[in-house]
Amino acid sequence: MTRKIVVLNPKGGSGKTTIAINLAAYYAAQGLGPVLMDHDPQGSSTRWLKKRLQDQPRIHGIAAYEKNFRVTRSFLLRIPPGTQRVVIDTPAGVPAHGMPDLVKGADAILVPVLPSDIDIHACSKCISDLLLVAKVRRSEGRIGVVANRVRRNTVVFNTLMRFLATLQIPVITTLRDSTNYLRAAELGYGLHEMKPYLVREDTETWLPLIDWLESRPPLGATASPVPLVEASTPVLEAAS
């Protein structure tokens, strides 16, 4: 079964690409034949893919931001047979009226948000547009927030968590403000492809996210209620 995961927040710098490439790398390591679809004109996900070595688990890339007038748009965006996971990296500055096309058919929509006043406001606007313009119903349980680049036990972190609790949208996990993401991206790796002892503290925070994504019901089915607070974060064993 193919699952489609959209990483979306019109606010630039929220960590969309970081989450998208690490999800794709994780699914590749699991043998799920992922597609990483890059809608961002900056092409960051596509550049990361080009850094990967031939002996690394394969990720099929689609540079959706490119325009090729020799083929149809549907041909450009075609998904290879056998694909089980599609991860979509969206651009900054997506207008509300552009959201319905991006999230059409998505089994899960991840909204990353940083702990700052500007980002909190942008997250609120993004979720409002998803609900009111893109017509994504809360009851479907398809939207989840990822608190990104977090430093716990700070005033701004506590402010962020209080705000997120008011949205009635689940906070799936909180990702640390860690240089491991930068190191992995520079090498064309995902976090789960790094040496486990170097990244264990970070990979622990991915288990609730992976569990949530894999537990989403098929699109159109009724979702079970999801807690509005973080799940506990048992250890996630990283791939060697």
C-alpha atoms as a PDB file:
ATOM      1  CA  MET A   1       0.000   0.000   0.000  1.00  0.00           C
ATOM      2  CA  THR A   2       1.347   3.418  -0.965  1.00  0.00           C
ATOM      3  CA  ARG A   3       1.246   6.087   1.723  1.00  0.00           C
ATOM      4  CA  LYS A   4       1.582   9.757   0.819  1.00  0.00           C
ATOM      5  CA  ILE A   5       3.135  12.091   3.396  1.00  0.00           C
ATOM      6  CA  VAL A   6       3.194  15.863   2.836  1.00  0.00           C
ATOM      7  CA  VAL A   7       5.536  18.103   4.851  1.00  0.00           C
ATOM      8  CA  LEU A   8       4.043  21.576   4.718  1.00  0.00           C
ATOM      9  CA  ASN A   9       4.414  24.999   6.300  1.00  0.00           C
ATOM     10  CA  PRO A  10       4.451  28.166   4.158  1.00  0.00           C
ATOM     11  CA  LYS A  11       6.917  29.704   6.622  1.00  0.00           C
ATOM     12  CA  GLY A  12      10.456  29.303   5.303  1.00  0.00           C
ATOM     13  CA  GLY A  13      13.114  27.811   7.546  1.00  0.00           C
ATOM     14  CA  SER A  14      10.746  25.620   9.561  1.00  0.00           C
ATOM     15  CA  GLY A  15      12.658  22.434   8.743  1.00  0.00           C
ATOM     16  CA  LYS A  16      10.463  20.915   6.029  1.00  0.00           C
ATOM     17  CA  THR A  17      13.359  19.614   3.963  1.00  0.00           C
ATOM     18  CA  THR A  18      15.166  18.193   7.001  1.00  0.00           C
ATOM     19  CA  ILE A  19      12.094  16.177   7.956  1.00  0.00           C
ATOM     20  CA  ALA A  20      11.358  15.107   4.362  1.00  0.00           C
ATOM     21  CA  ILE A  21      14.852  13.809   3.566  1.00  0.00           C
ATOM     22  CA  ASN A  22      15.176  11.976   6.869  1.00  0.00           C
ATOM     23  CA  LEU A  23      11.784  10.317   6.400  1.00  0.00           C
ATOM     24  CA  ALA A  24      12.759   9.227   2.892  1.00  0.00           C
ATOM     25  CA  ALA A  25      16.085   7.832   4.129  1.00  0.00           C
ATOM     26  CA  TYR A  26      14.359   5.953   6.956  1.00  0.00           C
ATOM     27  CA  TYR A  27      11.837   4.360   4.598  1.00  0.00           C
ATOM     28  CA  ALA A  28      14.609   3.470   2.140  1.00  0.00           C
ATOM     29  CA  ALA A  29      16.503   1.691   4.914  1.00  0.00           C
ATOM     30  CA  GLN A  30      13.303  -0.255   5.638  1.00  0.00           C
ATOM     31  CA  GLY A  31      13.099  -1.415   2.032  1.00  0.00           C
ATOM     32  CA  LEU A  32       9.893   0.479   1.263  1.00  0.00           C
ATOM     33  CA  GLY A  33      11.037   1.964  -2.057  1.00  0.00           C
ATOM     34  CA  PRO A  34      10.284   5.599  -1.209  1.00  0.00           C
ATOM     35  CA  VAL A  35       9.829   8.508  -3.587  1.00  0.00           C
ATOM     36  CA  LEU A  36      11.035  11.943  -2.497  1.00  0.00           C
ATOM     37  CA  MET A  37       9.092  14.573  -4.419  1.00  0.00           C
ATOM     38  CA  ASP A  38      10.647  18.041  -4.303  1.00  0.00           C
ATOM     39  CA  HIS A  39       8.247  20.927  -4.971  1.00  0.00           C
ATOM     40  CA  ASP A  40      10.624  23.566  -3.601  1.00  0.00           C
ATOM     41  CA  PRO A  41      12.264  25.690  -6.353  1.00  0.00           C
ATOM     42  CA  GLN A  42      15.412  25.842  -4.200  1.00  0.00           C
ATOM     43  CA  GLY A  43      15.820  22.132  -4.910  1.00  0.00           C
ATOM     44  CA  SER A  44      17.388  21.292  -1.533  1.00  0.00           C
ATOM     45  CA  SER A  45      15.956  17.762  -1.406  1.00  0.00           C
ATOM     46  CA  THR A  46      17.085  17.112  -4.966  1.00  0.00           C
ATOM     47  CA  ARG A  47      20.644  18.292  -4.209  1.00  0.00           C
ATOM     48  CA  TRP A  48      20.733  16.017  -1.154  1.00  0.00           C
ATOM     49  CA  LEU A  49      19.690  13.046  -3.277  1.00  0.00           C
ATOM     50  CA  LYS A  50      22.557  13.704  -5.694  1.00  0.00           C
ATOM     51  CA  LYS A  51      25.033  13.375  -2.807  1.00  0.00           C
ATOM     52  CA  ARG A  52      23.953   9.833  -2.033  1.00  0.00           C
ATOM     53  CA  LEU A  53      26.207   6.954  -3.037  1.00  0.00           C
ATOM     54  CA  GLN A  54      25.161   4.089  -5.280  1.00  0.00           C
ATOM     55  CA  ASP A  55      25.455   1.547  -2.461  1.00  0.00           C
ATOM     56  CA  GLN A  56      23.027   3.442  -0.205  1.00  0.00           C
ATOM     57  CA  PRO A  57      19.371   2.355  -0.094  1.00  0.00           C
ATOM     58  CA  ARG A  58      17.705   3.809  -3.169  1.00  0.00           C
ATOM     59  CA  ILE A  59      15.341   6.775  -3.042  1.00  0.00           C
ATOM     60  CA  HIS A  60      13.588   7.751  -6.269  1.00  0.00           C
ATOM     61  CA  GLY A  61      13.635  11.527  -6.646  1.00  0.00           C
ATOM     62  CA  ILE A  62      11.157  13.671  -8.537  1.00  0.00           C
ATOM     63  CA  ALA A  63      12.053  17.334  -9.084  1.00  0.00           C
ATOM     64  CA  ALA A  64       8.453  18.522  -9.190  1.00  0.00           C
ATOM     65  CA  TYR A  65       9.547  22.169  -9.292  1.00  0.00           C
ATOM     66  CA  GLU A  66      11.040  21.697 -12.770  1.00  0.00           C
ATOM     67  CA  LYS A  67       9.071  22.617 -15.867  1.00  0.00           C
ATOM     68  CA  ASN A  68       9.426  20.368 -18.883  1.00  0.00           C
ATOM     69  CA  PHE A  69       7.172  21.335 -21.749  1.00  0.00           C
ATOM     70  CA  ARG A  70       8.097  18.211 -23.708  1.00  0.00           C
ATOM     71  CA  VAL A  71       6.111  15.961 -21.339  1.00  0.00           C
ATOM     72  CA  THR A  72       2.829  16.257 -19.470  1.00  0.00           C
ATOM     73  CA  ARG A  73       2.772  17.261 -15.832  1.00  0.00           C
ATOM     74  CA  SER A  74       1.278  13.906 -14.858  1.00  0.00           C
ATOM     75  CA  PHE A  75       4.149  12.100 -16.629  1.00  0.00           C
ATOM     76  CA  LEU A  76       6.719  14.229 -14.799  1.00  0.00           C
ATOM     77  CA  LEU A  77       5.131  13.389 -11.421  1.00  0.00           C
ATOM     78  CA  ARG A  78       4.547   9.687 -12.102  1.00  0.00           C
ATOM     79  CA  ILE A  79       5.311   7.294  -9.245  1.00  0.00           C
ATOM     80  CA  PRO A  80       7.329   4.151 -10.108  1.00  0.00           C
ATOM     81  CA  PRO A  81       5.630   0.762  -9.643  1.00  0.00           C
ATOM     82  CA  GLY A  82       6.337  -0.778  -6.260  1.00  0.00           C
ATOM     83  CA  THR A  83       6.562   2.540  -4.419  1.00  0.00           C
ATOM     84  CA  GLN A  84       5.240   2.174  -0.868  1.00  0.00           C
ATOM     85  CA  ARG A  85       5.990   5.643   0.551  1.00  0.00           C
ATOM     86  CA  VAL A  86       5.819   9.053  -1.103  1.00  0.00           C
ATOM     87  CA  VAL A  87       7.316  11.959   0.858  1.00  0.00           C
ATOM     88  CA  ILE A  88       6.567  15.442  -0.468  1.00  0.00           C
ATOM     89  CA  ASP A  89       8.782  18.417   0.361  1.00  0.00           C
ATOM     90  CA  THR A  90       6.800  21.617  -0.239  1.00  0.00           C
ATOM     91  CA  PRO A  91       8.099  25.138  -0.903  1.00  0.00           C
ATOM     92  CA  ALA A  92       7.965  28.190   1.305  1.00  0.00           C
ATOM     93  CA  GLY A  93       5.336  30.797   0.573  1.00  0.00           C
ATOM     94  CA  VAL A  94       2.565  28.414  -0.481  1.00  0.00           C
ATOM     95  CA  PRO A  95      -0.642  30.501  -0.665  1.00  0.00           C
ATOM     96  CA  ALA A  96      -3.778  29.167   0.954  1.00  0.00           C
ATOM     97  CA  HIS A  97      -5.376  28.497  -2.437  1.00  0.00           C
ATOM     98  CA  GLY A  98      -2.387  26.339  -3.408  1.00  0.00           C
ATOM     99  CA  MET A  99      -2.739  23.971  -0.465  1.00  0.00           C
ATOM    100  CA  PRO A 100      -5.607  21.792  -1.767  1.00  0.00           C
ATOM    101  CA  ASP A 101      -3.503  20.520  -4.699  1.00  0.00           C
ATOM    102  CA  LEU A 102      -0.462  19.805  -2.499  1.00  0.00           C
ATOM    103  CA  VAL A 103      -2.363  17.815   0.130  1.00  0.00           C
ATOM    104  CA  LYS A 104      -4.761  16.038  -2.240  1.00  0.00           C
ATOM    105  CA  GLY A 105      -4.681  12.326  -1.471  1.00  0.00           C
ATOM    106  CA  ALA A 106      -2.291  12.758   1.465  1.00  0.00           C
ATOM    107  CA  ASP A 107      -2.535  10.134   4.197  1.00  0.00           C
ATOM    108  CA  ALA A 108      -0.614  12.410   6.575  1.00  0.00           C
ATOM    109  CA  ILE A 109       0.264  16.110   6.657  1.00  0.00           C
ATOM    110  CA  LEU A 110       3.180  17.122   8.872  1.00  0.00           C
ATOM    111  CA  VAL A 111       3.439  20.764   9.941  1.00  0.00           C
ATOM    112  CA  PRO A 112       6.864  21.568  11.397  1.00  0.00           C
ATOM    113  CA  VAL A 113       7.075  24.602  13.665  1.00  0.00           C
ATOM    114  CA  LEU A 114       9.988  26.321  15.383  1.00  0.00           C
ATOM    115  CA  PRO A 115       9.805  27.766  18.918  1.00  0.00           C
ATOM    116  CA  SER A 116       9.481  31.473  18.083  1.00  0.00           C
ATOM    117  CA  ASP A 117       6.627  33.991  18.067  1.00  0.00           C
ATOM    118  CA  ILE A 118       6.832  34.426  14.290  1.00  0.00           C
ATOM    119  CA  ASP A 119       6.753  30.689  13.661  1.00  0.00           C
ATOM    120  CA  ILE A 120       3.917  30.116  16.122  1.00  0.00           C
ATOM    121  CA  HIS A 121       1.796  32.653  14.243  1.00  0.00           C
ATOM    122  CA  ALA A 122       2.710  31.071  10.889  1.00  0.00           C
ATOM    123  CA  CYS A 123       1.803  27.609  12.190  1.00  0.00           C
ATOM    124  CA  SER A 124      -1.594  28.850  13.344  1.00  0.00           C
ATOM    125  CA  LYS A 125      -2.272  30.364   9.906  1.00  0.00           C
ATOM    126  CA  CYS A 126      -1.113  27.181   8.134  1.00  0.00           C
ATOM    127  CA  ILE A 127      -3.399  24.916  10.136  1.00  0.00           C
ATOM    128  CA  SER A 128      -6.307  27.324   9.717  1.00  0.00           C
ATOM    129  CA  ASP A 129      -5.804  27.271   5.941  1.00  0.00           C
ATOM    130  CA  LEU A 130      -5.576  23.478   5.905  1.00  0.00           C
ATOM    131  CA  LEU A 131      -8.867  23.223   7.746  1.00  0.00           C
ATOM    132  CA  LEU A 132     -10.811  26.013   6.052  1.00  0.00           C
ATOM    133  CA  VAL A 133      -9.350  26.230   2.546  1.00  0.00           C
ATOM    134  CA  ALA A 134      -7.922  22.771   1.864  1.00  0.00           C
ATOM    135  CA  LYS A 135     -10.941  21.251   3.656  1.00  0.00           C
ATOM    136  CA  VAL A 136      -8.901  18.758   5.703  1.00  0.00           C
ATOM    137  CA  ARG A 137     -11.183  17.644   8.507  1.00  0.00           C
ATOM    138  CA  ARG A 138      -9.837  17.304  12.054  1.00  0.00           C
ATOM    139  CA  SER A 139     -11.799  14.088  12.431  1.00  0.00           C
ATOM    140  CA  GLU A 140      -9.671  12.433   9.738  1.00  0.00           C
ATOM    141  CA  GLY A 141      -6.613  12.695  11.971  1.00  0.00           C
ATOM    142  CA  ARG A 142      -4.339  13.486   9.025  1.00  0.00           C
ATOM    143  CA  ILE A 143      -2.647  16.626  10.400  1.00  0.00           C
ATOM    144  CA  GLY A 144       0.178  16.404  12.923  1.00  0.00           C
ATOM    145  CA  VAL A 145       2.554  19.040  14.272  1.00  0.00           C
ATOM    146  CA  VAL A 146       6.283  18.463  14.701  1.00  0.00           C
ATOM    147  CA  ALA A 147       7.994  20.857  17.096  1.00  0.00           C
ATOM    148  CA  ASN A 148      11.385  21.355  15.463  1.00  0.00           C
ATOM    149  CA  ARG A 149      14.855  22.487  16.662  1.00  0.00           C
ATOM    150  CA  VAL A 150      13.653  22.463  20.228  1.00  0.00           C
ATOM    151  CA  ARG A 151      15.581  23.184  23.380  1.00  0.00           C
ATOM    152  CA  ARG A 152      13.560  21.831  26.246  1.00  0.00           C
ATOM    153  CA  ASN A 153      13.068  23.597  29.561  1.00  0.00           C
ATOM    154  CA  THR A 154      13.150  27.031  27.952  1.00  0.00           C
ATOM    155  CA  VAL A 155      10.473  29.725  28.143  1.00  0.00           C
ATOM    156  CA  VAL A 156       9.922  29.741  24.375  1.00  0.00           C
ATOM    157  CA  PHE A 157       9.552  25.935  24.308  1.00  0.00           C
ATOM    158  CA  ASN A 158       6.901  26.065  27.040  1.00  0.00           C
ATOM    159  CA  THR A 159       5.114  28.867  25.157  1.00  0.00           C
ATOM    160  CA  LEU A 160       5.148  26.777  21.984  1.00  0.00           C
ATOM    161  CA  MET A 161       3.715  23.711  23.706  1.00  0.00           C
ATOM    162  CA  ARG A 162       0.938  25.730  25.356  1.00  0.00           C
ATOM    163  CA  PHE A 163       0.014  27.212  21.994  1.00  0.00           C
ATOM    164  CA  LEU A 164       0.013  23.851  20.229  1.00  0.00           C
ATOM    165  CA  ALA A 165      -2.283  22.403  22.884  1.00  0.00           C
ATOM    166  CA  THR A 166      -4.922  24.995  21.920  1.00  0.00           C
ATOM    167  CA  LEU A 167      -5.047  23.927  18.269  1.00  0.00           C
ATOM    168  CA  GLN A 168      -6.675  20.546  18.892  1.00  0.00           C
ATOM    169  CA  ILE A 169      -4.089  19.094  16.523  1.00  0.00           C
ATOM    170  CA  PRO A 170      -1.710  16.444  17.907  1.00  0.00           C
ATOM    171  CA  VAL A 171       1.913  17.276  18.623  1.00  0.00           C
ATOM    172  CA  ILE A 172       3.558  14.110  17.332  1.00  0.00           C
ATOM    173  CA  THR A 173       7.085  14.682  18.596  1.00  0.00           C
ATOM    174  CA  THR A 174       9.724  17.295  19.346  1.00  0.00           C
ATOM    175  CA  LEU A 175      13.009  17.184  17.440  1.00  0.00           C
ATOM    176  CA  ARG A 176      16.163  18.473  19.110  1.00  0.00           C
ATOM    177  CA  ASP A 177      18.192  21.431  17.929  1.00  0.00           C
ATOM    178  CA  SER A 178      21.059  19.165  16.873  1.00  0.00           C
ATOM    179  CA  THR A 179      24.041  19.493  14.523  1.00  0.00           C
ATOM    180  CA  ASN A 180      23.618  15.817  13.608  1.00  0.00           C
ATOM    181  CA  TYR A 181      21.005  16.807  11.037  1.00  0.00           C
ATOM    182  CA  LEU A 182      23.469  19.161   9.358  1.00  0.00           C
ATOM    183  CA  ARG A 183      26.229  16.555   9.295  1.00  0.00           C
ATOM    184  CA  ALA A 184      23.952  13.908   7.807  1.00  0.00           C
ATOM    185  CA  ALA A 185      22.567  16.256   5.145  1.00  0.00           C
ATOM    186  CA  GLU A 186      26.034  17.368   4.065  1.00  0.00           C
ATOM    187  CA  LEU A 187      27.010  13.735   3.433  1.00  0.00           C
ATOM    188  CA  GLY A 188      23.798  12.701   1.669  1.00  0.00           C
ATOM    189  CA  TYR A 189      22.735  10.549   4.610  1.00  0.00           C
ATOM    190  CA  GLY A 190      19.627  10.334   6.721  1.00  0.00           C
ATOM    191  CA  LEU A 191      19.872  10.458  10.488  1.00  0.00           C
ATOM    192  CA  HIS A 192      19.063   6.740  10.720  1.00  0.00           C
ATOM    193  CA  GLU A 193      21.969   5.891   8.418  1.00  0.00           C
ATOM    194  CA  MET A 194      24.549   7.442  10.724  1.00  0.00           C
ATOM    195  CA  LYS A 195      26.426   5.466  13.366  1.00  0.00           C
ATOM    196  CA  PRO A 196      23.834   4.763  16.095  1.00  0.00           C
ATOM    197  CA  TYR A 197      26.023   5.794  19.027  1.00  0.00           C
ATOM    198  CA  LEU A 198      26.443   9.262  17.476  1.00  0.00           C
ATOM    199  CA  VAL A 199      22.761   9.976  16.876  1.00  0.00           C
ATOM    200  CA  ARG A 200      20.897   7.898  19.462  1.00  0.00           C
ATOM    201  CA  GLU A 201      19.599  10.911  21.384  1.00  0.00           C
ATOM    202  CA  ASP A 202      18.103  12.264  18.163  1.00  0.00           C
ATOM    203  CA  THR A 203      16.740   9.025  16.716  1.00  0.00           C
ATOM    204  CA  GLU A 204      14.826   8.438  19.951  1.00  0.00           C
ATOM    205  CA  THR A 205      12.603  11.384  19.085  1.00  0.00           C
ATOM    206  CA  TRP A 206      11.659   9.875  15.705  1.00  0.00           C
ATOM    207  CA  LEU A 207       9.891   6.807  17.059  1.00  0.00           C
ATOM    208  CA  PRO A 208       6.619   8.603  17.934  1.00  0.00           C
ATOM    209  CA  LEU A 209       6.632  10.237  14.500  1.00  0.00           C
ATOM    210  CA  ILE A 210       7.157   6.986  12.602  1.00  0.00           C
ATOM    211  CA  ASP A 211       4.558   5.214  14.753  1.00  0.00           C
ATOM    212  CA  TRP A 212       2.020   7.974  14.106  1.00  0.00           C
ATOM    213  CA  LEU A 213       2.616   7.982  10.354  1.00  0.00           C
ATOM    214  CA  GLU A 214       2.354   4.214  10.065  1.00  0.00           C
ATOM    215  CA  SER A 215      -0.829   4.097  12.152  1.00  0.00           C
ATOM    216  CA  ARG A 216      -2.763   6.549   9.952  1.00  0.00           C
ATOM    217  CA  PRO A 217      -5.892   4.884   8.588  1.00  0.00           C
ATOM    218  CA  PRO A 218      -6.379   4.811   4.823  1.00  0.00           C
ATOM    219  CA  LEU A 219      -7.631   8.110   3.476  1.00  0.00           C
ATOM    220  CA  GLY A 220     -11.388   8.289   3.923  1.00  0.00           C
ATOM    221  CA  ALA A 221     -11.484   5.972   6.944  1.00  0.00           C
ATOM    222  CA  THR A 222     -12.409   7.304  10.349  1.00  0.00           C
ATOM    223  CA  ALA A 223      -9.378   8.015  12.496  1.00  0.00           C
ATOM    224  CA  SER A 224      -9.146   7.132  16.147  1.00  0.00           C
ATOM    225  CA  PRO A 225      -8.772  10.042  18.579  1.00  0.00           C
ATOM    226  CA  VAL A 226      -5.154  11.134  18.926  1.00  0.00           C
ATOM    227  CA  PRO A 227      -3.738  12.614  22.148  1.00  0.00           C
ATOM    228  CA  LEU A 228      -2.994  16.324  22.021  1.00  0.00           C
ATOM    229  CA  VAL A 229       0.287  15.957  23.875  1.00  0.00           C
ATOM    230  CA  GLU A 230       3.556  14.292  23.011  1.00  0.00           C
ATOM    231  CA  ALA A 231       3.903  10.562  23.167  1.00  0.00           C
ATOM    232  CA  SER A 232       6.680   9.060  25.213  1.00  0.00           C
ATOM    233  CA  THR A 233       9.867   8.517  23.255  1.00  0.00           C
ATOM    234  CA  PRO A 234      11.370   5.041  23.716  1.00  0.00           C
ATOM    235  CA  VAL A 235      14.627   4.310  21.972  1.00  0.00           C
ATOM    236  CA  LEU A 236      14.585   3.950  18.189  1.00  0.00           C
ATOM    237  CA  GLU A 237      17.391   1.715  16.969  1.00  0.00           C
ATOM    238  CA  ALA A 238      19.104   3.432  14.044  1.00  0.00           C
ATOM    239  CA  ALA A 239      20.176   1.581  10.961  1.00  0.00           C
ATOM    240  CA  SER A 240      23.888   0.907  10.686  1.00  0.00           C
END
